[in-house]
Structure formats: structure tokens, C-alpha cells
Amino acid sequence: MTNSPASAVPYSRIKIRVGGLVFCGNDIALIRRDRADSTHYTLPGGNVEDGEDLVAALGRELAEELRLDTAATRGGDLLWVVDQRVSRPGPTPPPRKLHLVYRFHIEPGVRATLAETEVDELPDGGHEVGVVEWVDYRETAGLPVFPPIGRALAALPHPRAAVADAALEAVTDATYTWV
């Protein structure tokens, strides 16, 4: 058996992150993060806490970041899984992370009630503000979305399309450069 560069990194822990593709027609909610040297987009969502149910974690994260009550949505099906094994900047060893991407649909009336910004607390006690941006899902292939699902998302023939394989390409140092 040969070792790939990604398998040479020791992953002492695995984290699970849940994210929501929240559709309103052809638009999806993304959180845009502007930094001094880059801009990138993430799905609303976050890490599952120890012992937390996946669906409960997703509901909590969507409520925190978008003020979305999942009872006001349709769907909630698991669409994709992305296995992340990348080095990253910072002093702590990177975890291996599994991104579970769920799909929801909302009506324009619900969209009008959602948050327009999202605030993340930083390890130093500061805060980073993200902007909730609605983007036509077919335009995501060219955006710096993490996890990198833009091409797969843009390839869907319509927002409710079934997918043949829920496992997307793994994110490794060979396939991704940390932004």
C-alpha cells in the first residue's frame, strides 16, 4: 500500500460539520467572508458538538446563522458528504473533517425574515462578520466555496435534482489550497 500526501498527515481527531444548502427558487444562501487577502464563501452550518444529534446540530446552526427555523422548510435530505483531509495554517494539528451537506427549500416569505449577516466568534475573543449572500446555484462553480462543492452544485439540472453519488471528491492537500 502506498501513502498519499494526505494520508501522511496524522489526524488525531475527526470532526463532523453539518451545512445547509438553503434554496429559495434557484438561489442559495451562502456566507461571504471577506478577509484582507481573500474572499471565500461557506454554507450556513457548523461543527457538531460532542454527543449532539446531526439533525439537531443542523437545526441549531441554521437558527444561529440565518435565524431559520427548519420547520419552515421543505426537504432536509442529506445530499453530499465531503471528506476533508488538508493541512491548514495555525498552531493546532488539523482534524480530519466530514462535511455533511443537507438540502432545504424555502419560500420567498421565509427568505425575507432571515438574517443578512452572521457573526463568528474568533479564538482571540474577537468577531468576524460574514454577509449572507443569495446566489443563483448555477453560478457557484466559479466561486471560492468551502467545502468546494461549487462545481457539483452548479451541475445540478434543477434545485431538487437527485444525485447519483453522495460522496464528493475528497478535499486533500493535492486538490485544495487553504484560503
N, C-alpha and C. Protein backbone atom coordinates (compact mmCIF):
# COMPACT_ATOMS: atom_id res chain seq x y z
N MET A 1 0.84 -1.17 0.00
CA MET A 1 0.00 0.00 0.00
C MET A 1 0.89 1.25 0.00
N THR A 2 0.54 2.24 -0.81
CA THR A 2 1.32 3.47 -0.86
C THR A 2 0.61 4.56 -0.07
N ASN A 3 1.41 5.48 0.43
CA ASN A 3 0.84 6.60 1.17
C ASN A 3 0.72 7.79 0.25
N SER A 4 -0.47 8.39 0.24
CA SER A 4 -0.63 9.65 -0.48
C SER A 4 -0.21 10.77 0.46
N PRO A 5 0.09 11.96 -0.04
CA PRO A 5 0.46 13.05 0.85
C PRO A 5 -0.57 13.30 1.93
N ALA A 6 -1.86 13.17 1.61
CA ALA A 6 -2.90 13.43 2.60
C ALA A 6 -2.88 12.38 3.70
N SER A 7 -2.55 11.13 3.36
CA SER A 7 -2.57 10.10 4.38
C SER A 7 -1.34 10.16 5.27
N ALA A 8 -0.33 10.95 4.89
CA ALA A 8 0.86 11.08 5.72
C ALA A 8 0.63 12.02 6.91
N VAL A 9 -0.40 12.85 6.85
CA VAL A 9 -0.71 13.77 7.94
C VAL A 9 -1.42 12.99 9.04
N PRO A 10 -0.93 13.09 10.28
CA PRO A 10 -1.59 12.35 11.36
C PRO A 10 -2.85 13.10 11.82
N TYR A 11 -4.00 12.47 11.70
CA TYR A 11 -5.25 13.07 12.15
C TYR A 11 -5.63 12.43 13.47
N SER A 12 -5.45 13.18 14.54
CA SER A 12 -5.70 12.63 15.87
C SER A 12 -7.18 12.71 16.24
N ARG A 13 -7.97 13.42 15.42
CA ARG A 13 -9.39 13.54 15.72
C ARG A 13 -10.17 13.74 14.43
N ILE A 14 -11.44 13.41 14.51
CA ILE A 14 -12.35 13.62 13.39
C ILE A 14 -13.45 14.53 13.87
N LYS A 15 -13.75 15.56 13.09
CA LYS A 15 -14.86 16.46 13.38
C LYS A 15 -15.92 16.27 12.31
N ILE A 16 -17.15 16.49 12.69
CA ILE A 16 -18.25 16.44 11.74
C ILE A 16 -18.84 17.84 11.66
N ARG A 17 -19.02 18.31 10.43
CA ARG A 17 -19.63 19.62 10.19
C ARG A 17 -20.88 19.39 9.36
N VAL A 18 -21.98 20.02 9.79
CA VAL A 18 -23.21 19.97 9.02
C VAL A 18 -23.39 21.32 8.34
N GLY A 19 -23.87 21.28 7.10
CA GLY A 19 -24.11 22.50 6.36
C GLY A 19 -25.42 22.40 5.61
N GLY A 20 -26.05 23.54 5.40
CA GLY A 20 -27.32 23.56 4.72
C GLY A 20 -27.26 24.30 3.40
N LEU A 21 -27.67 23.63 2.33
CA LEU A 21 -27.93 24.29 1.06
C LEU A 21 -29.38 24.76 1.16
N VAL A 22 -29.56 26.04 1.44
CA VAL A 22 -30.90 26.58 1.61
C VAL A 22 -31.29 27.26 0.31
N PHE A 23 -32.21 26.62 -0.42
CA PHE A 23 -32.67 27.12 -1.71
C PHE A 23 -33.93 27.96 -1.53
N CYS A 24 -34.00 29.05 -2.26
CA CYS A 24 -35.23 29.80 -2.47
C CYS A 24 -35.32 29.97 -3.99
N GLY A 25 -36.11 29.14 -4.64
CA GLY A 25 -36.09 29.08 -6.10
C GLY A 25 -34.74 28.56 -6.55
N ASN A 26 -34.07 29.32 -7.43
CA ASN A 26 -32.74 28.93 -7.91
C ASN A 26 -31.61 29.51 -7.07
N ASP A 27 -31.94 30.35 -6.10
CA ASP A 27 -30.90 30.98 -5.27
C ASP A 27 -30.62 30.14 -4.03
N ILE A 28 -29.35 30.17 -3.60
CA ILE A 28 -28.98 29.54 -2.33
C ILE A 28 -28.32 30.57 -1.44
N ALA A 29 -28.43 30.35 -0.13
CA ALA A 29 -27.80 31.23 0.84
C ALA A 29 -26.36 30.77 1.07
N LEU A 30 -25.42 31.68 0.87
CA LEU A 30 -24.01 31.44 1.19
C LEU A 30 -23.55 32.54 2.14
N ILE A 31 -22.56 32.23 2.95
CA ILE A 31 -22.00 33.24 3.83
C ILE A 31 -20.67 33.67 3.23
N ARG A 32 -20.58 34.96 2.86
CA ARG A 32 -19.36 35.51 2.26
C ARG A 32 -18.49 36.06 3.38
N ARG A 33 -17.24 35.62 3.37
CA ARG A 33 -16.27 36.09 4.37
C ARG A 33 -15.17 36.85 3.63
N ASP A 34 -15.08 38.13 3.92
CA ASP A 34 -14.06 38.98 3.31
C ASP A 34 -12.90 39.13 4.28
N ARG A 35 -11.72 38.77 3.82
CA ARG A 35 -10.51 38.91 4.64
C ARG A 35 -9.55 39.82 3.90
N ALA A 36 -8.50 40.23 4.57
CA ALA A 36 -7.55 41.18 3.97
C ALA A 36 -6.99 40.67 2.64
N ASP A 37 -6.74 39.35 2.55
CA ASP A 37 -6.10 38.83 1.34
C ASP A 37 -6.98 37.87 0.54
N SER A 38 -8.25 37.70 0.95
CA SER A 38 -9.10 36.78 0.21
C SER A 38 -10.57 36.97 0.56
N THR A 39 -11.39 36.41 -0.29
CA THR A 39 -12.82 36.30 -0.04
C THR A 39 -13.20 34.86 -0.31
N HIS A 40 -13.99 34.29 0.57
CA HIS A 40 -14.49 32.95 0.30
C HIS A 40 -15.91 32.82 0.85
N TYR A 41 -16.59 31.77 0.41
CA TYR A 41 -17.97 31.51 0.79
C TYR A 41 -18.06 30.18 1.52
N THR A 42 -18.97 30.12 2.48
CA THR A 42 -19.25 28.87 3.17
C THR A 42 -20.75 28.65 3.19
N LEU A 43 -21.14 27.40 3.39
CA LEU A 43 -22.55 27.10 3.60
C LEU A 43 -22.89 27.46 5.03
N PRO A 44 -24.11 27.91 5.29
CA PRO A 44 -24.52 28.07 6.68
C PRO A 44 -24.42 26.71 7.36
N GLY A 45 -23.87 26.68 8.54
CA GLY A 45 -23.71 25.42 9.27
C GLY A 45 -22.54 25.52 10.22
N GLY A 46 -22.15 24.39 10.78
CA GLY A 46 -21.04 24.39 11.71
C GLY A 46 -20.76 23.00 12.26
N ASN A 47 -19.87 22.97 13.22
CA ASN A 47 -19.44 21.70 13.80
C ASN A 47 -20.51 21.11 14.70
N VAL A 48 -20.61 19.79 14.68
CA VAL A 48 -21.50 19.05 15.56
C VAL A 48 -20.79 18.92 16.91
N GLU A 49 -21.50 19.26 17.97
CA GLU A 49 -20.92 19.17 19.31
C GLU A 49 -20.92 17.73 19.79
N ASP A 50 -20.03 17.40 20.73
CA ASP A 50 -19.94 16.04 21.26
C ASP A 50 -21.30 15.56 21.73
N GLY A 51 -21.71 14.40 21.23
CA GLY A 51 -22.96 13.78 21.64
C GLY A 51 -24.21 14.38 21.01
N GLU A 52 -24.06 15.40 20.17
CA GLU A 52 -25.21 16.07 19.58
C GLU A 52 -25.73 15.28 18.38
N ASP A 53 -27.04 15.21 18.25
CA ASP A 53 -27.69 14.60 17.10
C ASP A 53 -27.40 15.45 15.86
N LEU A 54 -27.16 14.81 14.71
CA LEU A 54 -26.83 15.54 13.48
C LEU A 54 -27.92 16.50 13.06
N VAL A 55 -29.17 16.05 13.07
CA VAL A 55 -30.27 16.90 12.64
C VAL A 55 -30.46 18.05 13.62
N ALA A 56 -30.31 17.78 14.91
CA ALA A 56 -30.42 18.85 15.91
C ALA A 56 -29.29 19.87 15.73
N ALA A 57 -28.09 19.39 15.43
CA ALA A 57 -26.95 20.30 15.20
C ALA A 57 -27.22 21.19 13.99
N LEU A 58 -27.75 20.61 12.93
CA LEU A 58 -28.05 21.38 11.73
C LEU A 58 -29.12 22.42 12.03
N GLY A 59 -30.15 22.04 12.73
CA GLY A 59 -31.20 22.99 13.10
C GLY A 59 -30.65 24.13 13.95
N ARG A 60 -29.79 23.80 14.91
CA ARG A 60 -29.17 24.81 15.77
C ARG A 60 -28.33 25.77 14.95
N GLU A 61 -27.50 25.24 14.07
CA GLU A 61 -26.61 26.08 13.26
C GLU A 61 -27.40 26.98 12.30
N LEU A 62 -28.42 26.45 11.66
CA LEU A 62 -29.21 27.27 10.74
C LEU A 62 -29.97 28.36 11.50
N ALA A 63 -30.41 28.05 12.71
CA ALA A 63 -31.07 29.07 13.53
C ALA A 63 -30.06 30.15 13.95
N GLU A 64 -28.86 29.74 14.35
CA GLU A 64 -27.84 30.70 14.78
C GLU A 64 -27.38 31.59 13.64
N GLU A 65 -27.14 31.01 12.48
CA GLU A 65 -26.51 31.77 11.39
C GLU A 65 -27.50 32.48 10.48
N LEU A 66 -28.68 31.90 10.27
CA LEU A 66 -29.65 32.50 9.36
C LEU A 66 -30.94 32.95 10.05
N ARG A 67 -31.11 32.57 11.31
CA ARG A 67 -32.39 32.72 12.01
C ARG A 67 -33.48 31.91 11.30
N LEU A 68 -33.09 30.74 10.77
CA LEU A 68 -34.01 29.86 10.04
C LEU A 68 -34.50 28.75 10.96
N ASP A 69 -35.81 28.63 11.07
CA ASP A 69 -36.43 27.51 11.76
C ASP A 69 -36.68 26.43 10.70
N THR A 70 -36.04 25.28 10.84
CA THR A 70 -36.16 24.25 9.80
C THR A 70 -37.59 23.73 9.67
N ALA A 71 -38.46 24.02 10.63
CA ALA A 71 -39.87 23.65 10.50
C ALA A 71 -40.54 24.44 9.37
N ALA A 72 -39.94 25.57 8.99
CA ALA A 72 -40.49 26.40 7.91
C ALA A 72 -39.91 26.01 6.55
N THR A 73 -39.24 24.88 6.47
CA THR A 73 -38.60 24.45 5.22
C THR A 73 -39.23 23.17 4.71
N ARG A 74 -38.90 22.84 3.48
CA ARG A 74 -39.19 21.52 2.91
C ARG A 74 -37.84 20.87 2.62
N GLY A 75 -37.84 19.56 2.64
CA GLY A 75 -36.59 18.86 2.34
C GLY A 75 -35.87 18.44 3.61
N GLY A 76 -34.59 18.74 3.65
CA GLY A 76 -33.76 18.33 4.77
C GLY A 76 -33.03 17.04 4.50
N ASP A 77 -32.97 16.64 3.22
CA ASP A 77 -32.31 15.40 2.86
C ASP A 77 -30.79 15.59 2.77
N LEU A 78 -30.06 14.55 3.15
CA LEU A 78 -28.60 14.56 3.01
C LEU A 78 -28.29 14.46 1.53
N LEU A 79 -27.56 15.44 1.02
CA LEU A 79 -27.25 15.48 -0.41
C LEU A 79 -25.84 14.96 -0.67
N TRP A 80 -24.84 15.50 0.07
CA TRP A 80 -23.45 15.14 -0.18
C TRP A 80 -22.68 14.98 1.11
N VAL A 81 -21.60 14.20 1.00
CA VAL A 81 -20.61 14.06 2.07
C VAL A 81 -19.26 14.41 1.45
N VAL A 82 -18.50 15.26 2.14
CA VAL A 82 -17.17 15.65 1.67
C VAL A 82 -16.17 15.31 2.78
N ASP A 83 -15.17 14.52 2.44
CA ASP A 83 -14.12 14.11 3.37
C ASP A 83 -12.96 15.09 3.24
N GLN A 84 -12.69 15.85 4.30
CA GLN A 84 -11.63 16.86 4.28
C GLN A 84 -10.41 16.35 5.04
N ARG A 85 -9.28 16.27 4.34
CA ARG A 85 -8.01 15.88 4.95
C ARG A 85 -6.94 16.83 4.43
N VAL A 86 -6.92 18.05 4.96
CA VAL A 86 -5.97 19.04 4.48
C VAL A 86 -5.18 19.64 5.65
N SER A 87 -3.95 20.04 5.32
CA SER A 87 -3.16 20.83 6.25
C SER A 87 -3.82 22.19 6.31
N ARG A 88 -3.58 22.92 7.36
CA ARG A 88 -4.13 24.27 7.45
C ARG A 88 -3.20 25.13 8.28
N PRO A 89 -3.32 26.45 8.10
CA PRO A 89 -2.47 27.33 8.90
C PRO A 89 -2.87 27.28 10.37
N GLY A 90 -1.94 27.58 11.23
CA GLY A 90 -2.25 27.65 12.65
C GLY A 90 -1.45 26.65 13.46
N PRO A 91 -1.47 26.82 14.79
CA PRO A 91 -0.63 26.01 15.67
C PRO A 91 -1.20 24.63 16.01
N THR A 92 -2.49 24.41 15.81
CA THR A 92 -3.06 23.12 16.20
C THR A 92 -3.08 22.16 15.02
N PRO A 93 -2.88 20.86 15.31
CA PRO A 93 -2.94 19.88 14.22
C PRO A 93 -4.32 19.89 13.59
N PRO A 94 -4.40 19.73 12.27
CA PRO A 94 -5.70 19.78 11.62
C PRO A 94 -6.50 18.52 11.92
N PRO A 95 -7.81 18.67 12.10
CA PRO A 95 -8.64 17.47 12.21
C PRO A 95 -9.00 16.98 10.83
N ARG A 96 -9.32 15.72 10.75
CA ARG A 96 -10.00 15.22 9.56
C ARG A 96 -11.45 15.65 9.78
N LYS A 97 -12.09 16.16 8.75
CA LYS A 97 -13.45 16.66 8.92
C LYS A 97 -14.36 16.07 7.86
N LEU A 98 -15.50 15.61 8.29
CA LEU A 98 -16.53 15.14 7.37
C LEU A 98 -17.59 16.22 7.29
N HIS A 99 -17.84 16.73 6.09
CA HIS A 99 -18.86 17.74 5.85
C HIS A 99 -20.11 17.03 5.35
N LEU A 100 -21.20 17.15 6.08
CA LEU A 100 -22.48 16.57 5.68
C LEU A 100 -23.34 17.72 5.17
N VAL A 101 -23.69 17.68 3.89
CA VAL A 101 -24.40 18.77 3.23
C VAL A 101 -25.86 18.36 3.01
N TYR A 102 -26.76 19.09 3.66
CA TYR A 102 -28.20 18.83 3.57
C TYR A 102 -28.85 19.89 2.69
N ARG A 103 -29.99 19.52 2.06
CA ARG A 103 -30.68 20.45 1.16
C ARG A 103 -32.07 20.79 1.71
N PHE A 104 -32.36 22.11 1.70
CA PHE A 104 -33.65 22.62 2.14
C PHE A 104 -34.21 23.56 1.08
N HIS A 105 -35.53 23.73 1.10
CA HIS A 105 -36.20 24.68 0.21
C HIS A 105 -37.10 25.57 1.06
N ILE A 106 -37.07 26.87 0.78
CA ILE A 106 -37.92 27.82 1.49
C ILE A 106 -38.66 28.69 0.48
N GLU A 107 -39.69 29.34 0.95
CA GLU A 107 -40.48 30.27 0.15
C GLU A 107 -39.93 31.69 0.32
N PRO A 108 -40.22 32.59 -0.63
CA PRO A 108 -39.74 33.97 -0.53
C PRO A 108 -40.14 34.68 0.77
N GLY A 109 -41.32 34.37 1.30
CA GLY A 109 -41.74 34.99 2.56
C GLY A 109 -40.83 34.62 3.72
N VAL A 110 -40.36 33.38 3.74
CA VAL A 110 -39.42 32.94 4.78
C VAL A 110 -38.07 33.61 4.55
N ARG A 111 -37.64 33.65 3.31
CA ARG A 111 -36.35 34.28 2.98
C ARG A 111 -36.31 35.72 3.48
N ALA A 112 -37.40 36.44 3.36
CA ALA A 112 -37.44 37.85 3.76
C ALA A 112 -37.22 38.04 5.26
N THR A 113 -37.39 36.98 6.05
CA THR A 113 -37.24 37.09 7.51
C THR A 113 -35.84 36.68 7.99
N LEU A 114 -35.00 36.19 7.09
CA LEU A 114 -33.71 35.63 7.50
C LEU A 114 -32.65 36.70 7.73
N ALA A 115 -31.63 36.31 8.47
CA ALA A 115 -30.52 37.21 8.78
C ALA A 115 -29.79 37.62 7.51
N GLU A 116 -29.20 38.81 7.55
CA GLU A 116 -28.40 39.31 6.43
C GLU A 116 -26.91 39.25 6.73
N THR A 117 -26.56 39.07 8.00
CA THR A 117 -25.17 38.91 8.41
C THR A 117 -25.08 37.76 9.41
N GLU A 118 -23.88 37.25 9.56
CA GLU A 118 -23.60 36.16 10.51
C GLU A 118 -22.30 36.50 11.21
N VAL A 119 -22.28 36.34 12.54
CA VAL A 119 -21.11 36.71 13.32
C VAL A 119 -20.49 35.46 13.93
N ASP A 120 -19.20 35.25 13.65
CA ASP A 120 -18.44 34.14 14.23
C ASP A 120 -17.51 34.69 15.30
N GLU A 121 -17.46 33.99 16.43
CA GLU A 121 -16.52 34.37 17.47
C GLU A 121 -15.16 33.76 17.13
N LEU A 122 -14.11 34.56 17.23
CA LEU A 122 -12.75 34.10 16.93
C LEU A 122 -12.07 33.62 18.20
N PRO A 123 -11.04 32.78 18.07
CA PRO A 123 -10.35 32.25 19.25
C PRO A 123 -9.79 33.35 20.17
N ASP A 124 -9.44 34.51 19.61
CA ASP A 124 -8.88 35.59 20.44
C ASP A 124 -9.95 36.43 21.12
N GLY A 125 -11.23 36.04 20.96
CA GLY A 125 -12.32 36.79 21.58
C GLY A 125 -12.94 37.82 20.65
N GLY A 126 -12.31 38.06 19.51
CA GLY A 126 -12.87 39.00 18.54
C GLY A 126 -13.98 38.34 17.75
N HIS A 127 -14.45 39.06 16.75
CA HIS A 127 -15.54 38.55 15.93
C HIS A 127 -15.26 38.79 14.45
N GLU A 128 -15.75 37.89 13.62
CA GLU A 128 -15.68 38.03 12.17
C GLU A 128 -17.11 38.05 11.65
N VAL A 129 -17.43 39.07 10.88
CA VAL A 129 -18.78 39.19 10.34
C VAL A 129 -18.81 38.66 8.92
N GLY A 130 -19.75 37.78 8.66
CA GLY A 130 -19.98 37.27 7.32
C GLY A 130 -21.28 37.85 6.78
N VAL A 131 -21.34 38.02 5.48
CA VAL A 131 -22.53 38.55 4.83
C VAL A 131 -23.30 37.40 4.20
N VAL A 132 -24.59 37.30 4.51
CA VAL A 132 -25.43 36.28 3.88
C VAL A 132 -25.77 36.78 2.48
N GLU A 133 -25.31 36.04 1.49
CA GLU A 133 -25.49 36.43 0.10
C GLU A 133 -26.28 35.34 -0.61
N TRP A 134 -27.30 35.75 -1.37
CA TRP A 134 -28.10 34.81 -2.14
C TRP A 134 -27.55 34.77 -3.56
N VAL A 135 -27.19 33.57 -4.00
CA VAL A 135 -26.52 33.39 -5.29
C VAL A 135 -27.27 32.32 -6.08
N ASP A 136 -27.42 32.54 -7.38
CA ASP A 136 -28.00 31.52 -8.24
C ASP A 136 -27.08 30.30 -8.18
N TYR A 137 -27.63 29.15 -7.82
CA TYR A 137 -26.81 27.96 -7.60
C TYR A 137 -25.97 27.60 -8.83
N ARG A 138 -26.43 27.96 -10.03
CA ARG A 138 -25.72 27.61 -11.26
C ARG A 138 -24.45 28.44 -11.44
N GLU A 139 -24.29 29.49 -10.61
CA GLU A 139 -23.10 30.34 -10.70
C GLU A 139 -22.03 29.99 -9.67
N THR A 140 -22.24 28.94 -8.90
CA THR A 140 -21.31 28.62 -7.82
C THR A 140 -20.02 27.93 -8.28
N ALA A 141 -20.00 27.42 -9.50
CA ALA A 141 -18.79 26.73 -9.98
C ALA A 141 -17.58 27.65 -9.98
N GLY A 142 -17.79 28.93 -10.20
CA GLY A 142 -16.68 29.88 -10.25
C GLY A 142 -16.40 30.60 -8.95
N LEU A 143 -17.10 30.24 -7.88
CA LEU A 143 -16.90 30.91 -6.59
C LEU A 143 -15.99 30.09 -5.68
N PRO A 144 -15.22 30.77 -4.82
CA PRO A 144 -14.40 30.05 -3.84
C PRO A 144 -15.26 29.60 -2.65
N VAL A 145 -15.97 28.48 -2.85
CA VAL A 145 -16.87 27.93 -1.83
C VAL A 145 -16.13 26.83 -1.07
N PHE A 146 -16.29 26.83 0.27
CA PHE A 146 -15.70 25.74 1.06
C PHE A 146 -16.78 25.14 1.94
N PRO A 147 -16.92 23.81 1.95
CA PRO A 147 -16.13 22.88 1.16
C PRO A 147 -16.39 23.09 -0.33
N PRO A 148 -15.43 22.71 -1.16
CA PRO A 148 -15.52 23.00 -2.59
C PRO A 148 -16.58 22.17 -3.31
N ILE A 149 -17.83 22.60 -3.18
CA ILE A 149 -18.95 21.89 -3.80
C ILE A 149 -19.52 22.65 -4.99
N GLY A 150 -18.92 23.79 -5.34
CA GLY A 150 -19.47 24.66 -6.37
C GLY A 150 -19.72 23.98 -7.70
N ARG A 151 -18.76 23.20 -8.19
CA ARG A 151 -18.94 22.53 -9.49
C ARG A 151 -20.08 21.52 -9.44
N ALA A 152 -20.15 20.72 -8.38
CA ALA A 152 -21.22 19.73 -8.26
C ALA A 152 -22.57 20.42 -8.13
N LEU A 153 -22.62 21.50 -7.38
CA LEU A 153 -23.86 22.24 -7.20
C LEU A 153 -24.32 22.86 -8.52
N ALA A 154 -23.41 23.51 -9.22
CA ALA A 154 -23.76 24.16 -10.49
C ALA A 154 -24.18 23.15 -11.54
N ALA A 155 -23.74 21.91 -11.41
CA ALA A 155 -24.08 20.88 -12.40
C ALA A 155 -25.48 20.28 -12.20
N LEU A 156 -26.13 20.58 -11.07
CA LEU A 156 -27.49 20.06 -10.87
C LEU A 156 -28.41 20.62 -11.95
N PRO A 157 -29.22 19.79 -12.58
CA PRO A 157 -30.12 20.31 -13.62
C PRO A 157 -31.23 21.20 -13.05
N HIS A 158 -31.57 21.01 -11.78
CA HIS A 158 -32.55 21.86 -11.10
C HIS A 158 -32.36 21.69 -9.59
N PRO A 159 -32.88 22.63 -8.77
CA PRO A 159 -32.61 22.60 -7.33
C PRO A 159 -33.06 21.33 -6.60
N ARG A 160 -33.99 20.59 -7.15
CA ARG A 160 -34.47 19.38 -6.48
C ARG A 160 -33.93 18.09 -7.11
N ALA A 161 -32.99 18.21 -8.00
CA ALA A 161 -32.46 17.05 -8.73
C ALA A 161 -31.82 16.05 -7.78
N ALA A 162 -32.03 14.78 -8.09
CA ALA A 162 -31.37 13.70 -7.35
C ALA A 162 -29.90 13.66 -7.77
N VAL A 163 -29.07 13.13 -6.89
CA VAL A 163 -27.66 12.95 -7.23
C VAL A 163 -27.35 11.45 -7.27
N ALA A 164 -26.44 11.08 -8.15
CA ALA A 164 -26.11 9.67 -8.31
C ALA A 164 -25.20 9.17 -7.19
N ASP A 165 -24.33 10.04 -6.70
CA ASP A 165 -23.36 9.62 -5.69
C ASP A 165 -23.24 10.73 -4.64
N ALA A 166 -23.52 10.39 -3.39
CA ALA A 166 -23.48 11.38 -2.32
C ALA A 166 -22.05 11.72 -1.89
N ALA A 167 -21.09 10.91 -2.24
CA ALA A 167 -19.70 11.16 -1.85
C ALA A 167 -19.02 12.02 -2.92
N LEU A 168 -18.71 13.25 -2.56
CA LEU A 168 -17.97 14.12 -3.47
C LEU A 168 -16.49 13.87 -3.32
N GLU A 169 -15.69 14.40 -4.25
CA GLU A 169 -14.24 14.23 -4.21
C GLU A 169 -13.69 14.71 -2.87
N ALA A 170 -12.78 13.95 -2.30
CA ALA A 170 -12.16 14.33 -1.03
C ALA A 170 -11.36 15.62 -1.20
N VAL A 171 -11.32 16.39 -0.14
CA VAL A 171 -10.53 17.62 -0.12
C VAL A 171 -9.21 17.28 0.55
N THR A 172 -8.12 17.32 -0.23
CA THR A 172 -6.80 16.99 0.28
C THR A 172 -5.82 18.09 -0.11
N ASP A 173 -4.60 18.01 0.39
CA ASP A 173 -3.59 18.99 0.01
C ASP A 173 -3.32 18.95 -1.50
N ALA A 174 -3.57 17.81 -2.13
CA ALA A 174 -3.36 17.70 -3.57
C ALA A 174 -4.46 18.36 -4.39
N THR A 175 -5.66 18.53 -3.77
CA THR A 175 -6.79 19.08 -4.51
C THR A 175 -7.24 20.45 -4.03
N TYR A 176 -6.66 20.95 -2.92
CA TYR A 176 -7.13 22.21 -2.35
C TYR A 176 -5.99 22.99 -1.73
N THR A 177 -6.01 24.29 -1.94
CA THR A 177 -5.07 25.20 -1.27
C THR A 177 -5.86 26.03 -0.28
N TRP A 178 -5.47 26.01 0.98
CA TRP A 178 -6.21 26.71 2.04
C TRP A 178 -6.25 28.21 1.76
N VAL A 179 -7.45 28.80 1.84
CA VAL A 179 -7.64 30.23 1.61
C VAL A 179 -7.65 30.95 2.93
